[in-house]
Amino acid sequence: MNTALRHKAAKIIGLVSLPFSRRLRAVTPLAVRVVVGMVMIAHAGHFTPDEFGVILDQRLGLPLSTLVAWLVTLMLYIGGALFILGLFSRWVAIGFIGHMTLAVALIDVHEGLAPQSGGGMQIALLLLTGSLVILVSGPGPLSLDNVIGWDSGWSDKPSS
């Protein structure tokens, strides 16, 4: 590779790298939280808890399916709102990860990744991944968790 081409490549990579990404670092977790939270709230509205309970009972034979359906629905509505605000973010992420993992493993896997008829597991996998990102990286500086001091991020330095 000649020197001129290397300089052009470095210049292009430099435009996309540090200065630009540093500015977006604070906004990125907020964007993930807002999108995942909004979709979870919308997801909660697909069925009433009673309808969801019937589905859980008929498809999975789940005991106490109506109670489970109510708990999941409340988690999605309340957890979605908390996720958007960035409050209890890592705890909500754990609940979302559990819910989406079960949805993919028990229901969506039978439909495939992205069937032409709609459905499939692509949305659940995206929600699971977004929740995992917040669990691992934290809610970010633009969150109530950070403002209150409940989650200022994990230190890169090992504890002594």
N, C-alpha and C. Protein backbone atom coordinates (compact mmCIF):
# COMPACT_ATOMS: atom_id res chain seq x y z
N MET A 1 0.85 -1.17 0.00
CA MET A 1 0.00 0.00 0.00
C MET A 1 0.90 1.24 0.00
N ASN A 2 0.66 2.15 -0.92
CA ASN A 2 1.55 3.30 -1.00
C ASN A 2 1.22 4.33 0.09
N THR A 3 2.13 5.25 0.31
CA THR A 3 2.03 6.21 1.40
C THR A 3 0.84 7.14 1.23
N ALA A 4 0.59 7.62 0.01
CA ALA A 4 -0.52 8.54 -0.22
C ALA A 4 -1.86 7.87 0.11
N LEU A 5 -1.99 6.63 -0.29
CA LEU A 5 -3.22 5.89 -0.01
C LEU A 5 -3.39 5.67 1.49
N ARG A 6 -2.29 5.40 2.18
CA ARG A 6 -2.35 5.23 3.63
C ARG A 6 -2.79 6.51 4.33
N HIS A 7 -2.28 7.65 3.86
CA HIS A 7 -2.67 8.93 4.46
C HIS A 7 -4.14 9.23 4.22
N LYS A 8 -4.65 8.93 3.01
CA LYS A 8 -6.08 9.13 2.73
C LYS A 8 -6.94 8.24 3.62
N ALA A 9 -6.53 6.98 3.77
CA ALA A 9 -7.28 6.05 4.62
C ALA A 9 -7.27 6.53 6.07
N ALA A 10 -6.13 6.98 6.55
CA ALA A 10 -6.03 7.47 7.93
C ALA A 10 -6.89 8.71 8.13
N LYS A 11 -6.96 9.56 7.12
CA LYS A 11 -7.78 10.77 7.21
C LYS A 11 -9.27 10.41 7.29
N ILE A 12 -9.69 9.45 6.47
CA ILE A 12 -11.09 9.01 6.48
C ILE A 12 -11.43 8.37 7.82
N ILE A 13 -10.56 7.49 8.30
CA ILE A 13 -10.78 6.83 9.59
C ILE A 13 -10.79 7.86 10.71
N GLY A 14 -9.93 8.87 10.63
CA GLY A 14 -9.88 9.92 11.64
C GLY A 14 -11.16 10.72 11.72
N LEU A 15 -11.84 10.92 10.59
CA LEU A 15 -13.10 11.65 10.59
C LEU A 15 -14.18 10.91 11.36
N VAL A 16 -14.13 9.59 11.33
CA VAL A 16 -15.16 8.78 11.96
C VAL A 16 -14.81 8.41 13.39
N SER A 17 -13.55 8.56 13.76
CA SER A 17 -13.13 8.03 15.05
C SER A 17 -13.30 9.02 16.20
N LEU A 18 -12.29 9.27 16.93
CA LEU A 18 -12.35 9.86 18.25
C LEU A 18 -13.19 11.11 18.46
N PRO A 19 -12.94 12.22 17.80
CA PRO A 19 -13.70 13.42 18.16
C PRO A 19 -15.21 13.22 18.00
N PHE A 20 -15.61 12.60 16.93
CA PHE A 20 -17.03 12.39 16.67
C PHE A 20 -17.63 11.40 17.66
N SER A 21 -16.94 10.30 17.90
CA SER A 21 -17.48 9.29 18.79
C SER A 21 -17.50 9.75 20.25
N ARG A 22 -16.57 10.61 20.63
CA ARG A 22 -16.59 11.14 22.00
C ARG A 22 -17.83 11.98 22.24
N ARG A 23 -18.23 12.73 21.24
CA ARG A 23 -19.44 13.55 21.39
C ARG A 23 -20.69 12.70 21.51
N LEU A 24 -20.71 11.56 20.86
CA LEU A 24 -21.88 10.69 20.88
C LEU A 24 -21.90 9.73 22.06
N ARG A 25 -20.80 9.62 22.77
CA ARG A 25 -20.69 8.65 23.85
C ARG A 25 -21.79 8.83 24.90
N ALA A 26 -22.15 10.05 25.22
CA ALA A 26 -23.17 10.31 26.24
C ALA A 26 -24.57 10.04 25.70
N VAL A 27 -24.77 10.24 24.42
CA VAL A 27 -26.10 10.12 23.83
C VAL A 27 -26.45 8.68 23.46
N THR A 28 -25.47 7.86 23.15
CA THR A 28 -25.72 6.51 22.67
C THR A 28 -26.51 5.65 23.65
N PRO A 29 -26.13 5.57 24.95
CA PRO A 29 -26.95 4.76 25.86
C PRO A 29 -28.37 5.31 25.99
N LEU A 30 -28.51 6.63 25.94
CA LEU A 30 -29.83 7.23 26.00
C LEU A 30 -30.68 6.77 24.81
N ALA A 31 -30.12 6.78 23.62
CA ALA A 31 -30.85 6.34 22.43
C ALA A 31 -31.27 4.88 22.56
N VAL A 32 -30.36 4.03 23.03
CA VAL A 32 -30.68 2.61 23.21
C VAL A 32 -31.80 2.45 24.23
N ARG A 33 -31.69 3.15 25.37
CA ARG A 33 -32.71 3.05 26.41
C ARG A 33 -34.08 3.52 25.93
N VAL A 34 -34.11 4.64 25.21
CA VAL A 34 -35.40 5.19 24.75
C VAL A 34 -36.06 4.25 23.75
N VAL A 35 -35.29 3.75 22.79
CA VAL A 35 -35.87 2.85 21.78
C VAL A 35 -36.34 1.55 22.41
N VAL A 36 -35.50 0.92 23.22
CA VAL A 36 -35.89 -0.34 23.85
C VAL A 36 -37.09 -0.11 24.78
N GLY A 37 -37.06 0.94 25.56
CA GLY A 37 -38.17 1.23 26.47
C GLY A 37 -39.49 1.46 25.73
N MET A 38 -39.44 2.22 24.64
CA MET A 38 -40.66 2.48 23.86
C MET A 38 -41.21 1.19 23.26
N VAL A 39 -40.33 0.36 22.72
CA VAL A 39 -40.79 -0.89 22.11
C VAL A 39 -41.34 -1.83 23.17
N MET A 40 -40.73 -1.87 24.35
CA MET A 40 -41.25 -2.73 25.42
C MET A 40 -42.64 -2.27 25.87
N ILE A 41 -42.84 -0.97 25.97
CA ILE A 41 -44.16 -0.45 26.33
C ILE A 41 -45.18 -0.82 25.25
N ALA A 42 -44.80 -0.65 24.00
CA ALA A 42 -45.70 -1.03 22.90
C ALA A 42 -45.96 -2.54 22.91
N HIS A 43 -44.92 -3.31 23.21
CA HIS A 43 -45.04 -4.77 23.28
C HIS A 43 -46.04 -5.18 24.37
N ALA A 44 -46.04 -4.46 25.48
CA ALA A 44 -46.96 -4.76 26.58
C ALA A 44 -48.41 -4.56 26.17
N GLY A 45 -48.65 -3.67 25.21
CA GLY A 45 -50.01 -3.38 24.78
C GLY A 45 -50.57 -4.32 23.73
N HIS A 46 -49.78 -5.33 23.31
CA HIS A 46 -50.27 -6.26 22.29
C HIS A 46 -51.46 -7.07 22.77
N PHE A 47 -51.47 -7.44 24.03
CA PHE A 47 -52.54 -8.25 24.60
C PHE A 47 -52.88 -7.71 25.97
N THR A 48 -54.11 -7.96 26.41
CA THR A 48 -54.41 -7.70 27.82
C THR A 48 -53.73 -8.79 28.63
N PRO A 49 -53.48 -8.56 29.91
CA PRO A 49 -52.86 -9.62 30.71
C PRO A 49 -53.68 -10.92 30.70
N ASP A 50 -55.01 -10.81 30.66
CA ASP A 50 -55.83 -12.03 30.61
C ASP A 50 -55.63 -12.79 29.30
N GLU A 51 -55.58 -12.06 28.18
CA GLU A 51 -55.33 -12.71 26.88
C GLU A 51 -53.94 -13.33 26.85
N PHE A 52 -52.96 -12.62 27.41
CA PHE A 52 -51.60 -13.13 27.47
C PHE A 52 -51.54 -14.38 28.34
N GLY A 53 -52.30 -14.38 29.44
CA GLY A 53 -52.37 -15.55 30.31
C GLY A 53 -52.91 -16.77 29.60
N VAL A 54 -53.94 -16.58 28.77
CA VAL A 54 -54.50 -17.69 28.00
C VAL A 54 -53.45 -18.23 27.02
N ILE A 55 -52.72 -17.35 26.37
CA ILE A 55 -51.67 -17.78 25.44
C ILE A 55 -50.60 -18.58 26.19
N LEU A 56 -50.18 -18.08 27.35
CA LEU A 56 -49.17 -18.79 28.13
C LEU A 56 -49.67 -20.16 28.58
N ASP A 57 -50.94 -20.21 28.93
CA ASP A 57 -51.52 -21.48 29.38
C ASP A 57 -51.65 -22.47 28.22
N GLN A 58 -52.19 -22.02 27.09
CA GLN A 58 -52.44 -22.93 25.96
C GLN A 58 -51.17 -23.33 25.24
N ARG A 59 -50.27 -22.40 24.98
CA ARG A 59 -49.05 -22.71 24.23
C ARG A 59 -47.99 -23.40 25.07
N LEU A 60 -47.86 -22.95 26.34
CA LEU A 60 -46.74 -23.43 27.15
C LEU A 60 -47.19 -24.27 28.34
N GLY A 61 -48.48 -24.28 28.64
CA GLY A 61 -48.97 -25.02 29.80
C GLY A 61 -48.42 -24.47 31.10
N LEU A 62 -48.20 -23.18 31.15
CA LEU A 62 -47.58 -22.53 32.30
C LEU A 62 -48.56 -22.46 33.47
N PRO A 63 -48.18 -22.95 34.66
CA PRO A 63 -49.07 -22.80 35.81
C PRO A 63 -49.12 -21.34 36.24
N LEU A 64 -50.23 -20.95 36.81
CA LEU A 64 -50.44 -19.56 37.25
C LEU A 64 -50.20 -18.57 36.11
N SER A 65 -50.64 -18.95 34.92
CA SER A 65 -50.34 -18.16 33.72
C SER A 65 -50.92 -16.74 33.78
N THR A 66 -52.09 -16.57 34.39
CA THR A 66 -52.66 -15.23 34.47
C THR A 66 -51.83 -14.33 35.38
N LEU A 67 -51.36 -14.88 36.50
CA LEU A 67 -50.51 -14.11 37.41
C LEU A 67 -49.19 -13.74 36.72
N VAL A 68 -48.59 -14.70 36.04
CA VAL A 68 -47.34 -14.44 35.31
C VAL A 68 -47.58 -13.37 34.24
N ALA A 69 -48.70 -13.48 33.54
CA ALA A 69 -49.01 -12.50 32.49
C ALA A 69 -49.15 -11.09 33.07
N TRP A 70 -49.80 -10.97 34.22
CA TRP A 70 -49.93 -9.66 34.85
C TRP A 70 -48.56 -9.11 35.27
N LEU A 71 -47.72 -9.96 35.85
CA LEU A 71 -46.39 -9.52 36.28
C LEU A 71 -45.53 -9.09 35.09
N VAL A 72 -45.59 -9.86 34.01
CA VAL A 72 -44.81 -9.52 32.81
C VAL A 72 -45.32 -8.22 32.20
N THR A 73 -46.64 -8.06 32.12
CA THR A 73 -47.21 -6.84 31.55
C THR A 73 -46.82 -5.62 32.37
N LEU A 74 -46.91 -5.73 33.69
CA LEU A 74 -46.49 -4.61 34.55
C LEU A 74 -45.00 -4.32 34.39
N MET A 75 -44.19 -5.39 34.29
CA MET A 75 -42.75 -5.19 34.10
C MET A 75 -42.48 -4.44 32.80
N LEU A 76 -43.22 -4.79 31.74
CA LEU A 76 -42.97 -4.14 30.45
C LEU A 76 -43.40 -2.67 30.48
N TYR A 77 -44.57 -2.38 31.05
CA TYR A 77 -45.02 -0.98 31.12
C TYR A 77 -44.13 -0.15 32.04
N ILE A 78 -44.00 -0.61 33.28
CA ILE A 78 -43.24 0.16 34.28
C ILE A 78 -41.75 0.13 33.93
N GLY A 79 -41.24 -1.06 33.57
CA GLY A 79 -39.84 -1.18 33.21
C GLY A 79 -39.49 -0.35 31.99
N GLY A 80 -40.39 -0.31 31.01
CA GLY A 80 -40.16 0.51 29.82
C GLY A 80 -40.01 1.98 30.17
N ALA A 81 -40.91 2.46 31.04
CA ALA A 81 -40.85 3.87 31.47
C ALA A 81 -39.57 4.13 32.26
N LEU A 82 -39.22 3.22 33.17
CA LEU A 82 -37.99 3.39 33.96
C LEU A 82 -36.75 3.36 33.06
N PHE A 83 -36.78 2.50 32.05
CA PHE A 83 -35.64 2.38 31.13
C PHE A 83 -35.45 3.69 30.37
N ILE A 84 -36.53 4.27 29.91
CA ILE A 84 -36.46 5.55 29.18
C ILE A 84 -35.85 6.63 30.08
N LEU A 85 -36.29 6.66 31.33
CA LEU A 85 -35.79 7.66 32.28
C LEU A 85 -34.36 7.35 32.74
N GLY A 86 -33.95 6.11 32.59
CA GLY A 86 -32.63 5.73 33.07
C GLY A 86 -32.61 5.53 34.57
N LEU A 87 -33.69 4.97 35.11
CA LEU A 87 -33.81 4.74 36.55
C LEU A 87 -33.89 3.24 36.80
N PHE A 88 -33.04 2.72 37.67
CA PHE A 88 -32.92 1.27 37.92
C PHE A 88 -32.59 0.53 36.62
N SER A 89 -31.82 1.15 35.77
CA SER A 89 -31.59 0.67 34.40
C SER A 89 -31.04 -0.75 34.33
N ARG A 90 -30.04 -1.04 35.12
CA ARG A 90 -29.45 -2.38 35.05
C ARG A 90 -30.42 -3.44 35.56
N TRP A 91 -31.20 -3.13 36.58
CA TRP A 91 -32.19 -4.08 37.09
C TRP A 91 -33.29 -4.33 36.05
N VAL A 92 -33.74 -3.27 35.43
CA VAL A 92 -34.77 -3.41 34.38
C VAL A 92 -34.20 -4.21 33.22
N ALA A 93 -32.94 -3.95 32.87
CA ALA A 93 -32.30 -4.69 31.77
C ALA A 93 -32.30 -6.19 32.06
N ILE A 94 -32.05 -6.58 33.30
CA ILE A 94 -32.06 -8.00 33.66
C ILE A 94 -33.45 -8.59 33.42
N GLY A 95 -34.50 -7.88 33.81
CA GLY A 95 -35.86 -8.36 33.56
C GLY A 95 -36.17 -8.48 32.08
N PHE A 96 -35.76 -7.47 31.31
CA PHE A 96 -35.99 -7.50 29.86
C PHE A 96 -35.22 -8.64 29.20
N ILE A 97 -33.99 -8.86 29.63
CA ILE A 97 -33.18 -9.94 29.06
C ILE A 97 -33.84 -11.29 29.33
N GLY A 98 -34.31 -11.47 30.55
CA GLY A 98 -35.01 -12.72 30.88
C GLY A 98 -36.26 -12.91 30.05
N HIS A 99 -37.05 -11.87 29.92
CA HIS A 99 -38.29 -11.94 29.15
C HIS A 99 -38.02 -12.23 27.67
N MET A 100 -37.08 -11.51 27.10
CA MET A 100 -36.80 -11.70 25.67
C MET A 100 -36.13 -13.05 25.40
N THR A 101 -35.30 -13.52 26.33
CA THR A 101 -34.69 -14.83 26.16
C THR A 101 -35.76 -15.92 26.14
N LEU A 102 -36.70 -15.84 27.06
CA LEU A 102 -37.80 -16.82 27.08
C LEU A 102 -38.67 -16.69 25.84
N ALA A 103 -38.94 -15.46 25.41
CA ALA A 103 -39.77 -15.26 24.21
C ALA A 103 -39.11 -15.90 22.99
N VAL A 104 -37.80 -15.68 22.85
CA VAL A 104 -37.09 -16.27 21.70
C VAL A 104 -37.06 -17.79 21.82
N ALA A 105 -36.69 -18.30 22.99
CA ALA A 105 -36.49 -19.74 23.16
C ALA A 105 -37.80 -20.54 23.09
N LEU A 106 -38.89 -19.96 23.59
CA LEU A 106 -40.13 -20.74 23.69
C LEU A 106 -41.13 -20.46 22.58
N ILE A 107 -41.09 -19.28 21.99
CA ILE A 107 -42.13 -18.93 21.02
C ILE A 107 -41.55 -18.54 19.67
N ASP A 108 -40.71 -17.53 19.64
CA ASP A 108 -40.24 -16.96 18.37
C ASP A 108 -39.35 -17.90 17.57
N VAL A 109 -38.63 -18.79 18.24
CA VAL A 109 -37.71 -19.69 17.55
C VAL A 109 -38.45 -20.56 16.53
N HIS A 110 -39.72 -20.85 16.79
CA HIS A 110 -40.51 -21.69 15.88
C HIS A 110 -40.87 -20.96 14.59
N GLU A 111 -40.80 -19.63 14.63
CA GLU A 111 -41.13 -18.83 13.45
C GLU A 111 -39.90 -18.52 12.59
N GLY A 112 -38.72 -18.69 13.15
CA GLY A 112 -37.50 -18.37 12.42
C GLY A 112 -37.04 -16.95 12.71
N LEU A 113 -35.97 -16.55 12.03
CA LEU A 113 -35.40 -15.23 12.28
C LEU A 113 -36.27 -14.10 11.74
N ALA A 114 -36.61 -14.15 10.48
CA ALA A 114 -37.39 -13.07 9.86
C ALA A 114 -38.26 -13.64 8.74
N PRO A 115 -39.34 -14.34 9.09
CA PRO A 115 -40.18 -14.92 8.04
C PRO A 115 -40.89 -13.83 7.24
N GLN A 116 -41.18 -14.12 5.99
CA GLN A 116 -41.85 -13.14 5.12
C GLN A 116 -43.23 -12.78 5.65
N SER A 117 -43.86 -13.68 6.37
CA SER A 117 -45.21 -13.43 6.89
C SER A 117 -45.21 -12.49 8.08
N GLY A 118 -44.04 -12.11 8.57
CA GLY A 118 -43.94 -11.23 9.73
C GLY A 118 -43.62 -12.05 10.97
N GLY A 119 -43.43 -11.37 12.07
CA GLY A 119 -43.09 -12.06 13.30
C GLY A 119 -41.63 -12.48 13.30
N GLY A 120 -41.38 -13.62 13.86
CA GLY A 120 -40.01 -14.11 13.95
C GLY A 120 -39.32 -13.54 15.17
N MET A 121 -38.05 -13.86 15.28
CA MET A 121 -37.33 -13.48 16.49
C MET A 121 -36.41 -12.27 16.33
N GLN A 122 -36.44 -11.60 15.17
CA GLN A 122 -35.50 -10.50 14.97
C GLN A 122 -35.73 -9.35 15.95
N ILE A 123 -36.96 -8.97 16.23
CA ILE A 123 -37.22 -7.86 17.15
C ILE A 123 -36.82 -8.26 18.57
N ALA A 124 -37.19 -9.47 18.98
CA ALA A 124 -36.83 -9.92 20.33
C ALA A 124 -35.31 -9.96 20.50
N LEU A 125 -34.59 -10.39 19.48
CA LEU A 125 -33.13 -10.42 19.56
C LEU A 125 -32.54 -9.01 19.66
N LEU A 126 -33.11 -8.07 18.93
CA LEU A 126 -32.64 -6.69 19.02
C LEU A 126 -32.90 -6.10 20.41
N LEU A 127 -34.09 -6.37 20.96
CA LEU A 127 -34.41 -5.88 22.30
C LEU A 127 -33.52 -6.53 23.35
N LEU A 128 -33.26 -7.81 23.19
CA LEU A 128 -32.38 -8.52 24.10
C LEU A 128 -30.97 -7.92 24.03
N THR A 129 -30.49 -7.66 22.84
CA THR A 129 -29.16 -7.09 22.66
C THR A 129 -29.07 -5.68 23.24
N GLY A 130 -30.07 -4.85 22.98
CA GLY A 130 -30.08 -3.50 23.54
C GLY A 130 -30.08 -3.52 25.05
N SER A 131 -30.85 -4.44 25.63
CA SER A 131 -30.88 -4.56 27.09
C SER A 131 -29.54 -5.04 27.63
N LEU A 132 -28.91 -5.96 26.91
CA LEU A 132 -27.59 -6.45 27.32
C LEU A 132 -26.55 -5.33 27.27
N VAL A 133 -26.63 -4.47 26.27
CA VAL A 133 -25.72 -3.33 26.16
C VAL A 133 -25.84 -2.44 27.40
N ILE A 134 -27.07 -2.14 27.81
CA ILE A 134 -27.27 -1.28 28.98
C ILE A 134 -26.83 -2.00 30.26
N LEU A 135 -27.09 -3.30 30.35
CA LEU A 135 -26.65 -4.05 31.53
C LEU A 135 -25.13 -3.99 31.67
N VAL A 136 -24.42 -4.19 30.57
CA VAL A 136 -22.97 -4.26 30.61
C VAL A 136 -22.32 -2.87 30.68
N SER A 137 -22.81 -1.93 29.87
CA SER A 137 -22.14 -0.63 29.80
C SER A 137 -22.75 0.42 30.72
N GLY A 138 -23.95 0.17 31.22
CA GLY A 138 -24.61 1.12 32.11
C GLY A 138 -25.53 2.05 31.36
N PRO A 139 -26.32 2.83 32.09
CA PRO A 139 -27.33 3.69 31.49
C PRO A 139 -26.78 4.96 30.86
N GLY A 140 -25.51 5.28 31.12
CA GLY A 140 -24.90 6.47 30.55
C GLY A 140 -25.09 7.69 31.42
N PRO A 141 -24.40 8.78 31.06
CA PRO A 141 -24.45 9.99 31.88
C PRO A 141 -25.79 10.71 31.82
N LEU A 142 -26.55 10.50 30.76
CA LEU A 142 -27.85 11.15 30.63
C LEU A 142 -28.95 10.22 31.15
N SER A 143 -28.84 9.88 32.43
CA SER A 143 -29.81 8.99 33.07
C SER A 143 -30.04 9.45 34.50
N LEU A 144 -31.21 9.13 35.02
CA LEU A 144 -31.47 9.46 36.42
C LEU A 144 -30.58 8.66 37.35
N ASP A 145 -30.25 7.43 36.97
CA ASP A 145 -29.32 6.63 37.77
C ASP A 145 -28.02 7.40 37.99
N ASN A 146 -27.50 8.01 36.94
CA ASN A 146 -26.25 8.75 37.03
C ASN A 146 -26.43 10.05 37.81
N VAL A 147 -27.53 10.76 37.56
CA VAL A 147 -27.77 12.03 38.25
C VAL A 147 -27.88 11.81 39.75
N ILE A 148 -28.59 10.76 40.16
CA ILE A 148 -28.77 10.46 41.58
C ILE A 148 -27.50 9.88 42.19
N GLY A 149 -26.66 9.30 41.34
CA GLY A 149 -25.42 8.70 41.83
C GLY A 149 -25.53 7.21 42.06
N TRP A 150 -26.61 6.61 41.57
CA TRP A 150 -26.80 5.17 41.75
C TRP A 150 -26.00 4.34 40.76
N ASP A 151 -25.66 4.92 39.64
CA ASP A 151 -24.90 4.17 38.65
C ASP A 151 -24.07 5.14 37.83
N SER A 152 -22.87 5.35 38.28
CA SER A 152 -21.97 6.26 37.55
C SER A 152 -21.05 5.50 36.63
N GLY A 153 -21.36 4.24 36.37
CA GLY A 153 -20.55 3.43 35.48
C GLY A 153 -19.56 2.58 36.25
N TRP A 154 -19.04 1.61 35.57
CA TRP A 154 -18.04 0.74 36.17
C TRP A 154 -16.67 1.29 35.85
N SER A 155 -15.83 1.28 36.84
CA SER A 155 -14.47 1.80 36.66
C SER A 155 -13.67 0.88 35.74
N ASP A 156 -12.85 1.49 34.91
CA ASP A 156 -11.94 0.72 34.07
C ASP A 156 -10.73 0.24 34.86
N LYS A 157 -10.52 0.87 36.02
CA LYS A 157 -9.37 0.51 36.84
C LYS A 157 -9.75 -0.65 37.77
N PRO A 158 -8.86 -1.61 37.91
CA PRO A 158 -9.16 -2.70 38.84
C PRO A 158 -9.20 -2.17 40.28
N SER A 159 -10.10 -2.71 41.09
CA SER A 159 -10.16 -2.25 42.47
C SER A 159 -8.98 -2.84 43.24
N SER A 160 -8.50 -2.05 44.20
CA SER A 160 -7.34 -2.54 44.94
C SER A 160 -7.72 -3.08 46.29
